[in-house]
């Protein structure tokens, strides 16, 4: 059974930083392209970026230069480093496999506000 836990969210002031972590279990993590998504109530889930098995990354234009994705294949963990956060980054953040999606986790809430 696939399970996923995302954590690291919280309340941060504009311009601040947060690092999110995602730990899925029950998948061949090292072979998966892992993606981060975010969702605001009433809007569709948006892909923030993804990272390939060997570390190649791609980020959405809205976060490029501010967010970076990394992974630890030993610890089965994917990270989202978020810098220079803006109020419009406020959302619930999720991770999933880009090519073999599994059931969504609870996500982790990020609130950017002064």
Protein backbone atom coordinates (compact mmCIF):
# COMPACT_ATOMS: atom_id res chain seq x y z
CA UNK A 1 0.00 0.00 0.00
CA UNK A 2 1.37 3.35 -1.03
CA UNK A 3 1.40 6.08 1.56
CA UNK A 4 2.90 9.54 1.52
CA UNK A 5 3.64 12.09 4.18
CA UNK A 6 4.37 15.73 3.46
CA UNK A 7 5.57 18.04 6.19
CA UNK A 8 7.46 21.22 6.90
CA UNK A 9 4.75 23.77 6.17
CA UNK A 10 3.85 26.67 8.38
CA UNK A 11 3.33 30.39 8.64
CA UNK A 12 6.10 32.53 7.21
CA UNK A 13 6.46 36.21 6.42
CA UNK A 14 6.87 37.42 2.85
CA UNK A 15 10.48 37.04 1.81
CA UNK A 16 10.99 34.14 4.15
CA UNK A 17 11.98 30.55 3.47
CA UNK A 18 10.66 27.08 4.17
CA UNK A 19 11.79 23.58 3.31
CA UNK A 20 9.14 20.96 2.71
CA UNK A 21 9.76 17.24 2.83
CA UNK A 22 7.88 14.36 1.28
CA UNK A 23 8.35 10.74 2.21
CA UNK A 24 6.42 8.20 0.17
CA UNK A 25 6.43 4.53 1.03
CA UNK A 26 5.47 1.49 -0.97
CA UNK A 27 6.99 2.69 -4.25
CA UNK A 28 10.28 2.20 -6.04
CA UNK A 29 11.26 5.71 -5.08
CA UNK A 30 14.68 5.74 -6.69
CA UNK A 31 13.14 5.16 -10.14
CA UNK A 32 10.35 7.70 -9.88
CA UNK A 33 10.12 11.21 -11.26
CA UNK A 34 8.80 13.00 -8.18
CA UNK A 35 6.76 16.17 -8.41
CA UNK A 36 5.56 18.86 -6.06
CA UNK A 37 2.11 20.36 -6.45
CA UNK A 38 0.11 22.99 -4.64
CA UNK A 39 -3.56 23.79 -4.38
CA UNK A 40 -5.57 26.76 -3.21
CA UNK A 41 -9.21 26.20 -2.24
CA UNK A 42 -11.45 26.61 -5.25
CA UNK A 43 -8.61 26.25 -7.74
CA UNK A 44 -7.09 23.33 -9.58
CA UNK A 45 -3.99 21.68 -8.29
CA UNK A 46 -0.90 23.26 -9.85
CA UNK A 47 2.40 21.53 -10.49
CA UNK A 48 5.29 23.41 -8.91
CA UNK A 49 8.09 21.31 -10.34
CA UNK A 50 9.61 17.88 -10.55
CA UNK A 51 12.87 16.00 -10.17
CA UNK A 52 14.08 12.99 -12.11
CA UNK A 53 15.71 9.92 -10.61
CA UNK A 54 19.20 11.33 -11.19
CA UNK A 55 18.39 14.84 -9.99
CA UNK A 56 17.44 16.76 -13.11
CA UNK A 57 14.80 19.32 -12.18
CA UNK A 58 12.19 21.52 -13.76
CA UNK A 59 10.26 24.28 -12.01
CA UNK A 60 7.15 26.21 -13.00
CA UNK A 61 7.75 29.77 -14.23
CA UNK A 62 5.92 31.18 -11.20
CA UNK A 63 8.53 29.72 -8.81
CA UNK A 64 11.63 29.45 -10.95
CA UNK A 65 14.61 31.04 -9.26
CA UNK A 66 12.89 30.93 -5.86
CA UNK A 67 12.06 27.26 -5.35
CA UNK A 68 14.36 24.30 -5.81
CA UNK A 69 13.73 20.57 -5.64
CA UNK A 70 16.13 17.93 -4.41
CA UNK A 71 15.95 14.30 -3.34
CA UNK A 72 17.66 11.74 -1.17
CA UNK A 73 17.25 8.30 -2.70
CA UNK A 74 18.67 6.62 0.39
CA UNK A 75 16.07 8.18 2.67
CA UNK A 76 13.26 8.05 0.07
CA UNK A 77 12.68 11.75 0.54
CA UNK A 78 12.07 14.62 -1.84
CA UNK A 79 12.50 18.21 -0.72
CA UNK A 80 11.12 21.55 -1.82
CA UNK A 81 13.26 24.49 -0.78
CA UNK A 82 11.22 27.67 -1.00
CA UNK A 83 12.93 31.04 -0.80
CA UNK A 84 11.68 34.60 -1.14
CA UNK A 85 8.16 33.43 -0.45
CA UNK A 86 5.24 35.56 -1.61
CA UNK A 87 1.64 35.71 -0.38
CA UNK A 88 0.55 34.03 -3.62
CA UNK A 89 2.59 30.97 -2.63
CA UNK A 90 0.04 30.31 0.09
CA UNK A 91 -1.40 26.86 -0.59
CA UNK A 92 -1.44 23.25 0.50
CA UNK A 93 1.59 21.51 -0.94
CA UNK A 94 1.61 17.88 -2.05
CA UNK A 95 4.03 15.51 -3.68
CA UNK A 96 3.36 12.62 -6.02
CA UNK A 97 4.97 10.54 -8.68
CA UNK A 98 4.76 12.39 -11.98
CA UNK A 99 4.42 9.30 -14.17
CA UNK A 100 2.87 6.74 -11.80
CA UNK A 101 0.68 8.80 -9.48
CA UNK A 102 -0.47 7.29 -6.23
CA UNK A 103 -3.28 8.43 -3.89
CA UNK A 104 -2.74 11.95 -2.64
CA UNK A 105 -1.57 12.54 0.88
CA UNK A 106 -2.82 15.19 3.29
CA UNK A 107 -0.34 17.75 2.08
CA UNK A 108 1.27 20.43 4.18
CA UNK A 109 -0.12 23.93 4.54
CA UNK A 110 2.04 26.93 3.71
CA UNK A 111 0.80 30.38 4.65
CA UNK A 112 2.76 33.43 3.59
CA UNK A 113 1.52 36.45 5.43
CA UNK A 114 2.76 39.39 7.43
